[in-house]
C-alpha atoms as a PDB file:
ATOM      1  CA  MET A   1     -21.154 126.014  88.780  1.00  0.00           C
ATOM      2  CA  ILE A   2     -19.135 122.904  89.478  1.00  0.00           C
ATOM      3  CA  LEU A   3     -15.709 124.272  87.993  1.00  0.00           C
ATOM      4  CA  GLN A   4     -15.718 127.531  90.285  1.00  0.00           C
ATOM      5  CA  ALA A   5     -16.683 125.418  93.492  1.00  0.00           C
ATOM      6  CA  THR A   6     -13.620 122.676  92.430  1.00  0.00           C
ATOM      7  CA  GLY A   7     -10.959 125.651  92.127  1.00  0.00           C
ATOM      8  CA  PHE A   8     -12.387 127.073  95.839  1.00  0.00           C
ATOM      9  CA  ALA A   9     -11.867 123.394  97.043  1.00  0.00           C
ATOM     10  CA  VAL A  10      -9.022 122.972  95.907  1.00  0.00           C
ATOM     11  CA  LEU A  11      -7.463 125.839  97.384  1.00  0.00           C
ATOM     12  CA  ALA A  12      -9.146 124.757 100.929  1.00  0.00           C
ATOM     13  CA  ALA A  13      -7.167 121.405 100.494  1.00  0.00           C
ATOM     14  CA  LEU A  14      -3.679 123.465 100.735  1.00  0.00           C
ATOM     15  CA  SER A  15      -2.969 122.291 104.365  1.00  0.00           C
ATOM     16  CA  PRO A  16       0.506 121.251 104.963  1.00  0.00           C
ATOM     17  CA  THR A  17      -0.040 121.224 109.076  1.00  0.00           C
ATOM     18  CA  ALA A  18      -2.880 118.209 107.779  1.00  0.00           C
ATOM     19  CA  LEU A  19      -0.697 116.618 105.625  1.00  0.00           C
ATOM     20  CA  LEU A  20       2.502 116.767 108.546  1.00  0.00           C
ATOM     21  CA  VAL A  21      -0.137 115.231 111.362  1.00  0.00           C
ATOM     22  CA  MET A  22      -1.090 112.670 109.133  1.00  0.00           C
ATOM     23  CA  ALA A  23       2.562 111.448 108.583  1.00  0.00           C
ATOM     24  CA  VAL A  24       2.939 110.996 111.977  1.00  0.00           C
ATOM     25  CA  PHE A  25      -0.273 109.385 112.501  1.00  0.00           C
ATOM     26  CA  LEU A  26       1.162 106.925 110.314  1.00  0.00           C
ATOM     27  CA  GLY A  27       4.235 106.408 111.358  1.00  0.00           C
ATOM     28  CA  SER A  28       2.609 105.247 115.269  1.00  0.00           C
ATOM     29  CA  GLU A  29       1.931 101.985 116.789  1.00  0.00           C
ATOM     30  CA  ARG A  30      -1.246 101.437 115.191  1.00  0.00           C
ATOM     31  CA  PRO A  31      -0.989 103.520 112.194  1.00  0.00           C
ATOM     32  CA  ARG A  32      -4.329 101.977 110.071  1.00  0.00           C
ATOM     33  CA  GLU A  33      -6.447 102.669 113.490  1.00  0.00           C
ATOM     34  CA  THR A  34      -5.111 106.032 114.266  1.00  0.00           C
ATOM     35  CA  ALA A  35      -4.649 107.476 110.649  1.00  0.00           C
ATOM     36  CA  LEU A  36      -8.321 105.665 109.983  1.00  0.00           C
ATOM     37  CA  ALA A  37      -9.570 108.085 113.317  1.00  0.00           C
ATOM     38  CA  TYR A  38      -8.059 111.384 112.162  1.00  0.00           C
ATOM     39  CA  VAL A  39      -9.970 110.937 108.123  1.00  0.00           C
ATOM     40  CA  ALA A  40     -13.506 110.394 110.341  1.00  0.00           C
ATOM     41  CA  GLY A  41     -12.756 113.148 112.104  1.00  0.00           C
ATOM     42  CA  ALA A  42     -11.987 115.430 108.832  1.00  0.00           C
ATOM     43  CA  MET A  43     -14.733 114.052 106.847  1.00  0.00           C
ATOM     44  CA  ILE A  44     -16.740 114.605 110.032  1.00  0.00           C
ATOM     45  CA  MET A  45     -16.314 117.964 110.054  1.00  0.00           C
ATOM     46  CA  THR A  46     -15.981 118.711 106.717  1.00  0.00           C
ATOM     47  CA  VAL A  47     -19.240 117.127 105.609  1.00  0.00           C
ATOM     48  CA  LEU A  48     -21.150 119.068 108.467  1.00  0.00           C
ATOM     49  CA  MET A  49     -19.575 122.235 107.785  1.00  0.00           C
ATOM     50  CA  ALA A  50     -20.759 122.049 104.164  1.00  0.00           C
ATOM     51  CA  VAL A  51     -24.178 120.778 104.447  1.00  0.00           C
ATOM     52  CA  THR A  52     -24.925 123.648 107.620  1.00  0.00           C
ATOM     53  CA  VAL A  53     -23.111 126.161 105.109  1.00  0.00           C
ATOM     54  CA  LEU A  54     -25.077 124.846 102.360  1.00  0.00           C
ATOM     55  CA  LEU A  55     -28.521 124.993 104.656  1.00  0.00           C
ATOM     56  CA  VAL A  56     -28.159 128.438 106.138  1.00  0.00           C
ATOM     57  CA  LEU A  57     -27.197 129.791 102.502  1.00  0.00           C
ATOM     58  CA  ARG A  58     -30.242 127.908 101.247  1.00  0.00           C
ATOM     59  CA  GLY A  59     -32.467 129.140 104.229  1.00  0.00           C
ATOM     60  CA  LEU A  60     -31.813 133.080 103.563  1.00  0.00           C
ATOM     61  CA  GLY A  61     -32.718 132.471  99.550  1.00  0.00           C
ATOM     62  CA  LEU A  62     -29.599 133.701  98.689  1.00  0.00           C
ATOM     63  CA  ASN A  63     -30.189 131.136  95.627  1.00  0.00           C
ATOM     64  CA  GLN A  64     -32.937 132.866  94.410  1.00  0.00           C
ATOM     65  CA  PRO A  65     -32.643 135.566  91.419  1.00  0.00           C
ATOM     66  CA  ARG A  66     -33.716 138.474  93.449  1.00  0.00           C
ATOM     67  CA  GLU A  67     -30.877 137.968  95.867  1.00  0.00           C
ATOM     68  CA  HIS A  68     -28.677 138.460  93.395  1.00  0.00           C
ATOM     69  CA  SER A  69     -26.820 141.466  95.214  1.00  0.00           C
ATOM     70  CA  PRO A  70     -26.396 139.973  98.662  1.00  0.00           C
ATOM     71  CA  ARG A  71     -25.295 137.016  96.944  1.00  0.00           C
ATOM     72  CA  TYR A  72     -22.258 138.756  95.232  1.00  0.00           C
ATOM     73  CA  GLY A  73     -21.586 140.805  98.470  1.00  0.00           C
ATOM     74  CA  LEU A  74     -21.264 137.774 100.328  1.00  0.00           C
ATOM     75  CA  ARG A  75     -18.379 136.566  97.956  1.00  0.00           C
ATOM     76  CA  LEU A  76     -17.008 139.921  98.012  1.00  0.00           C
ATOM     77  CA  GLY A  77     -16.696 139.635 101.814  1.00  0.00           C
ATOM     78  CA  LEU A  78     -15.123 136.353 102.197  1.00  0.00           C
ATOM     79  CA  GLY A  79     -12.695 137.379  99.614  1.00  0.00           C
ATOM     80  CA  VAL A  80     -11.869 140.313 101.679  1.00  0.00           C
ATOM     81  CA  ILE A  81     -11.612 138.062 104.858  1.00  0.00           C
ATOM     82  CA  ALA A  82      -9.383 135.672 102.675  1.00  0.00           C
ATOM     83  CA  LEU A  83      -7.230 138.410 101.121  1.00  0.00           C
ATOM     84  CA  ALA A  84      -6.828 140.202 104.777  1.00  0.00           C
ATOM     85  CA  THR A  85      -5.905 137.209 106.335  1.00  0.00           C
ATOM     86  CA  ALA A  86      -2.912 136.193 103.904  1.00  0.00           C
ATOM     87  CA  VAL A  87      -1.508 139.822 104.052  1.00  0.00           C
ATOM     88  CA  VAL A  88      -1.312 139.680 107.420  1.00  0.00           C
ATOM     89  CA  LEU A  89       0.791 136.461 107.366  1.00  0.00           C
ATOM     90  CA  LEU A  90       2.762 137.978 105.019  1.00  0.00           C
ATOM     91  CA  ARG A  91       3.393 140.665 106.990  1.00  0.00           C
ATOM     92  CA  ARG A  92       4.597 138.714 109.778  1.00  0.00           C
ATOM     93  CA  GLY A  93       7.346 136.626 107.720  1.00  0.00           C
ATOM     94  CA  VAL A  94       9.101 133.764 108.334  1.00  0.00           C
ATOM     95  CA  PRO A  95       8.431 133.007 112.032  1.00  0.00           C
ATOM     96  CA  GLU A  96      11.086 132.640 114.961  1.00  0.00           C
ATOM     97  CA  PRO A  97      11.187 129.639 116.642  1.00  0.00           C
ATOM     98  CA  GLY A  98      10.650 132.396 119.751  1.00  0.00           C
ATOM     99  CA  ASP A  99       7.757 133.686 118.428  1.00  0.00           C
ATOM    100  CA  PRO A 100       4.739 133.350 120.667  1.00  0.00           C
ATOM    101  CA  GLY A 101       2.224 132.871 117.944  1.00  0.00           C
ATOM    102  CA  GLU A 102       4.708 130.128 116.567  1.00  0.00           C
ATOM    103  CA  GLN A 103       4.950 128.813 119.933  1.00  0.00           C
ATOM    104  CA  LYS A 104       1.224 128.424 120.486  1.00  0.00           C
ATOM    105  CA  LYS A 105       0.568 126.669 116.903  1.00  0.00           C
ATOM    106  CA  GLN A 106       3.908 123.841 117.268  1.00  0.00           C
ATOM    107  CA  GLY A 107       2.190 123.821 120.981  1.00  0.00           C
ATOM    108  CA  LEU A 108      -1.109 122.875 119.722  1.00  0.00           C
ATOM    109  CA  ILE A 109      -0.004 120.273 117.462  1.00  0.00           C
ATOM    110  CA  GLY A 110       2.526 118.508 119.455  1.00  0.00           C
ATOM    111  CA  ARG A 111      -0.425 117.979 121.742  1.00  0.00           C
ATOM    112  CA  LEU A 112      -2.070 116.399 118.771  1.00  0.00           C
ATOM    113  CA  THR A 113       0.256 114.037 118.108  1.00  0.00           C
ATOM    114  CA  ALA A 114       2.424 113.734 120.920  1.00  0.00           C
ATOM    115  CA  ARG A 115       1.095 110.243 121.620  1.00  0.00           C
ATOM    116  CA  PRO A 116      -1.040 109.120 118.475  1.00  0.00           C
ATOM    117  CA  ARG A 117      -3.845 107.204 119.008  1.00  0.00           C
ATOM    118  CA  PRO A 118      -7.238 106.924 117.725  1.00  0.00           C
ATOM    119  CA  GLY A 119      -9.264 109.313 120.180  1.00  0.00           C
ATOM    120  CA  LEU A 120      -6.442 111.859 119.613  1.00  0.00           C
ATOM    121  CA  ALA A 121      -6.299 111.431 115.894  1.00  0.00           C
ATOM    122  CA  PHE A 122     -10.247 111.698 115.346  1.00  0.00           C
ATOM    123  CA  ALA A 123     -10.297 115.559 117.425  1.00  0.00           C
ATOM    124  CA  ALA A 124      -7.339 116.142 115.473  1.00  0.00           C
ATOM    125  CA  GLY A 125      -9.173 115.544 112.214  1.00  0.00           C
ATOM    126  CA  LEU A 126     -12.326 117.892 113.909  1.00  0.00           C
ATOM    127  CA  ILE A 127      -9.977 120.977 114.469  1.00  0.00           C
ATOM    128  CA  LEU A 128      -7.581 121.142 111.889  1.00  0.00           C
ATOM    129  CA  PHE A 129     -10.728 120.767 109.349  1.00  0.00           C
ATOM    130  CA  LEU A 130     -12.279 123.546 111.088  1.00  0.00           C
ATOM    131  CA  PRO A 131     -14.076 125.745 107.526  1.00  0.00           C
ATOM    132  CA  SER A 132     -11.498 128.304 106.032  1.00  0.00           C
ATOM    133  CA  ALA A 133     -13.126 131.015 103.607  1.00  0.00           C
ATOM    134  CA  THR A 134     -11.521 129.356 100.783  1.00  0.00           C
ATOM    135  CA  PHE A 135     -14.234 126.544 101.784  1.00  0.00           C
ATOM    136  CA  ILE A 136     -17.092 128.359 102.323  1.00  0.00           C
ATOM    137  CA  ALA A 137     -16.245 130.257  99.050  1.00  0.00           C
ATOM    138  CA  ALA A 138     -16.321 126.912  97.808  1.00  0.00           C
ATOM    139  CA  VAL A 139     -19.740 125.695  99.209  1.00  0.00           C
ATOM    140  CA  GLN A 140     -21.330 129.141  98.676  1.00  0.00           C
ATOM    141  CA  VAL A 141     -21.294 128.674  95.014  1.00  0.00           C
ATOM    142  CA  ILE A 142     -22.991 125.690  95.237  1.00  0.00           C
ATOM    143  CA  ALA A 143     -25.320 126.996  98.096  1.00  0.00           C
ATOM    144  CA  THR A 144     -26.299 130.216  95.615  1.00  0.00           C
ATOM    145  CA  SER A 145     -26.643 128.153  92.670  1.00  0.00           C
ATOM    146  CA  ASP A 146     -30.230 127.652  90.661  1.00  0.00           C
ATOM    147  CA  ALA A 147     -29.314 123.670  90.267  1.00  0.00           C
ATOM    148  CA  ASP A 148     -31.287 120.809  91.209  1.00  0.00           C
ATOM    149  CA  THR A 149     -30.940 118.588  94.013  1.00  0.00           C
ATOM    150  CA  ALA A 150     -28.782 115.975  92.161  1.00  0.00           C
ATOM    151  CA  ALA A 151     -26.788 118.509  90.901  1.00  0.00           C
ATOM    152  CA  THR A 152     -26.309 120.300  94.023  1.00  0.00           C
ATOM    153  CA  ALA A 153     -25.437 116.596  95.790  1.00  0.00           C
ATOM    154  CA  ALA A 154     -22.910 116.056  93.403  1.00  0.00           C
ATOM    155  CA  ALA A 155     -21.355 119.370  94.126  1.00  0.00           C
ATOM    156  CA  LEU A 156     -21.103 119.058  96.923  1.00  0.00           C
ATOM    157  CA  ILE A 157     -19.622 115.881  97.668  1.00  0.00           C
ATOM    158  CA  THR A 158     -17.245 116.793  95.165  1.00  0.00           C
ATOM    159  CA  VAL A 159     -16.163 119.849  97.139  1.00  0.00           C
ATOM    160  CA  VAL A 160     -15.982 117.390 100.253  1.00  0.00           C
ATOM    161  CA  ALA A 161     -13.662 114.724  98.597  1.00  0.00           C
ATOM    162  CA  ILE A 162     -11.271 117.891  96.888  1.00  0.00           C
ATOM    163  CA  SER A 163     -11.038 119.423 100.299  1.00  0.00           C
ATOM    164  CA  ALA A 164     -10.041 116.412 102.711  1.00  0.00           C
ATOM    165  CA  LEU A 165      -8.071 115.189 100.087  1.00  0.00           C
ATOM    166  CA  ILE A 166      -4.620 115.839 101.502  1.00  0.00           C
ATOM    167  CA  VAL A 167      -5.927 113.202 104.479  1.00  0.00           C
ATOM    168  CA  TRP A 168      -7.783 110.919 102.629  1.00  0.00           C
ATOM    169  CA  ALA A 169      -5.791 110.238  99.705  1.00  0.00           C
ATOM    170  CA  PRO A 170      -2.599 109.261 101.943  1.00  0.00           C
ATOM    171  CA  LEU A 171      -4.384 106.642 103.878  1.00  0.00           C
ATOM    172  CA  ILE A 172      -5.038 105.098 100.923  1.00  0.00           C
ATOM    173  CA  GLY A 173      -2.007 104.969  99.865  1.00  0.00           C
ATOM    174  CA  TYR A 174      -1.028 103.454 103.149  1.00  0.00           C
ATOM    175  CA  LEU A 175      -3.436 101.071 102.377  1.00  0.00           C
ATOM    176  CA  ALA A 176      -2.228 100.485  98.955  1.00  0.00           C
ATOM    177  CA  TRP A 177       1.897 100.815  99.622  1.00  0.00           C
ATOM    178  CA  PRO A 178       2.865 101.072 103.796  1.00  0.00           C
ATOM    179  CA  ASP A 179       6.162 101.479 103.506  1.00  0.00           C
ATOM    180  CA  GLY A 180       6.576 103.669 100.108  1.00  0.00           C
ATOM    181  CA  THR A 181       3.918 105.637 101.125  1.00  0.00           C
ATOM    182  CA  VAL A 182       5.689 106.238 104.791  1.00  0.00           C
ATOM    183  CA  ARG A 183       8.854 107.179 103.274  1.00  0.00           C
ATOM    184  CA  LEU A 184       7.489 109.627 100.835  1.00  0.00           C
ATOM    185  CA  LEU A 185       5.630 111.690 103.431  1.00  0.00           C
ATOM    186  CA  ARG A 186       9.084 111.284 105.557  1.00  0.00           C
ATOM    187  CA  GLN A 187      10.505 113.236 102.684  1.00  0.00           C
ATOM    188  CA  ALA A 188       7.677 115.365 101.930  1.00  0.00           C
ATOM    189  CA  ASN A 189       8.004 116.572 106.009  1.00  0.00           C
ATOM    190  CA  GLY A 190      11.083 118.653 105.990  1.00  0.00           C
ATOM    191  CA  TRP A 191      10.256 120.608 102.617  1.00  0.00           C
ATOM    192  CA  LEU A 192       6.392 121.396 103.854  1.00  0.00           C
ATOM    193  CA  ARG A 193       8.027 122.615 107.210  1.00  0.00           C
ATOM    194  CA  VAL A 194       9.887 125.093 105.256  1.00  0.00           C
ATOM    195  CA  HIS A 195       7.403 125.817 102.848  1.00  0.00           C
ATOM    196  CA  GLY A 196       4.401 125.070 104.141  1.00  0.00           C
ATOM    197  CA  ARG A 197       3.568 128.376 105.246  1.00  0.00           C
ATOM    198  CA  THR A 198       4.241 130.198 101.706  1.00  0.00           C
ATOM    199  CA  ILE A 199       2.073 127.578 100.450  1.00  0.00           C
ATOM    200  CA  ALA A 200      -1.220 128.052 102.963  1.00  0.00           C
ATOM    201  CA  VAL A 201      -0.696 132.248 102.238  1.00  0.00           C
ATOM    202  CA  TYR A 202      -0.556 132.173  98.508  1.00  0.00           C
ATOM    203  CA  GLY A 203      -3.657 129.662  98.642  1.00  0.00           C
ATOM    204  CA  LEU A 204      -5.362 132.643 100.511  1.00  0.00           C
ATOM    205  CA  LEU A 205      -4.261 135.267  98.176  1.00  0.00           C
ATOM    206  CA  ILE A 206      -5.178 133.379  95.168  1.00  0.00           C
ATOM    207  CA  GLY A 207      -8.791 132.510  96.738  1.00  0.00           C
ATOM    208  CA  GLY A 208      -9.006 136.190  98.310  1.00  0.00           C
ATOM    209  CA  ILE A 209      -8.608 137.878  94.758  1.00  0.00           C
ATOM    210  CA  ALA A 210     -10.454 135.359  92.684  1.00  0.00           C
ATOM    211  CA  LEU A 211     -13.348 135.963  94.744  1.00  0.00           C
ATOM    212  CA  ILE A 212     -13.340 139.878  95.309  1.00  0.00           C
ATOM    213  CA  ILE A 213     -13.101 140.152  91.455  1.00  0.00           C
ATOM    214  CA  ASN A 214     -15.778 137.786  90.953  1.00  0.00           C
ATOM    215  CA  GLY A 215     -18.158 139.712  93.757  1.00  0.00           C
ATOM    216  CA  ALA A 216     -17.218 143.299  92.805  1.00  0.00           C
ATOM    217  CA  LEU A 217     -18.147 142.565  89.135  1.00  0.00           C
ATOM    218  CA  GLY A 218     -21.566 141.029  90.786  1.00  0.00           C
ATOM    219  CA  VAL A 219     -22.484 143.701  92.695  1.00  0.00           C
ATOM    220  CA  ALA A 220     -21.449 146.293  90.148  1.00  0.00           C
ATOM    221  CA  SER A 221     -23.904 143.970  87.478  1.00  0.00           C
ATOM    222  CA  SER A 222     -27.122 144.149  89.645  1.00  0.00           C
END
């Protein structure tokens, strides 16, 4: 259970945009406070969504043996959503600077980072860490298992920590090695701006295919 949930959490952590925003905040006038507020927003949203998904699925009884088909049907559905999203992004190709969708995205990111300050950074963490299909998939693996309370809590903490790794790890790096961390993030920014979309798309593809296979096999065996 924990290995499968961890795998989906790693895919959920692939957020080049979140890392780019962190680089901006760490380069602001108040880097510590701004980055900390960003991480706080990201962690609060991640924990809140993890607990919510867990409670909803447990409330529906999907962890019960008799709910074998609905449990795997949910995984199949999440896989279809992730795969469909990846296919749509692939068909669009690399966006041009004048593309309306790209302008809207860049406009949102621009507003979040134009004047970096703790309050805005906190909001950015909340917005950028709204749950993805792969994150929900990671939590549903835990929620639909028959693990006891201690094992469930440990698995949930692991998923939350991995899913938000892209923001809290740079903050820790900055606190230990400020100049070096900022320099590394700036160097990574150029590469991420070119390849970040590809990373996100292939993360969705891998997660979607894995969920579809797992869900289909589960439904077929019921």
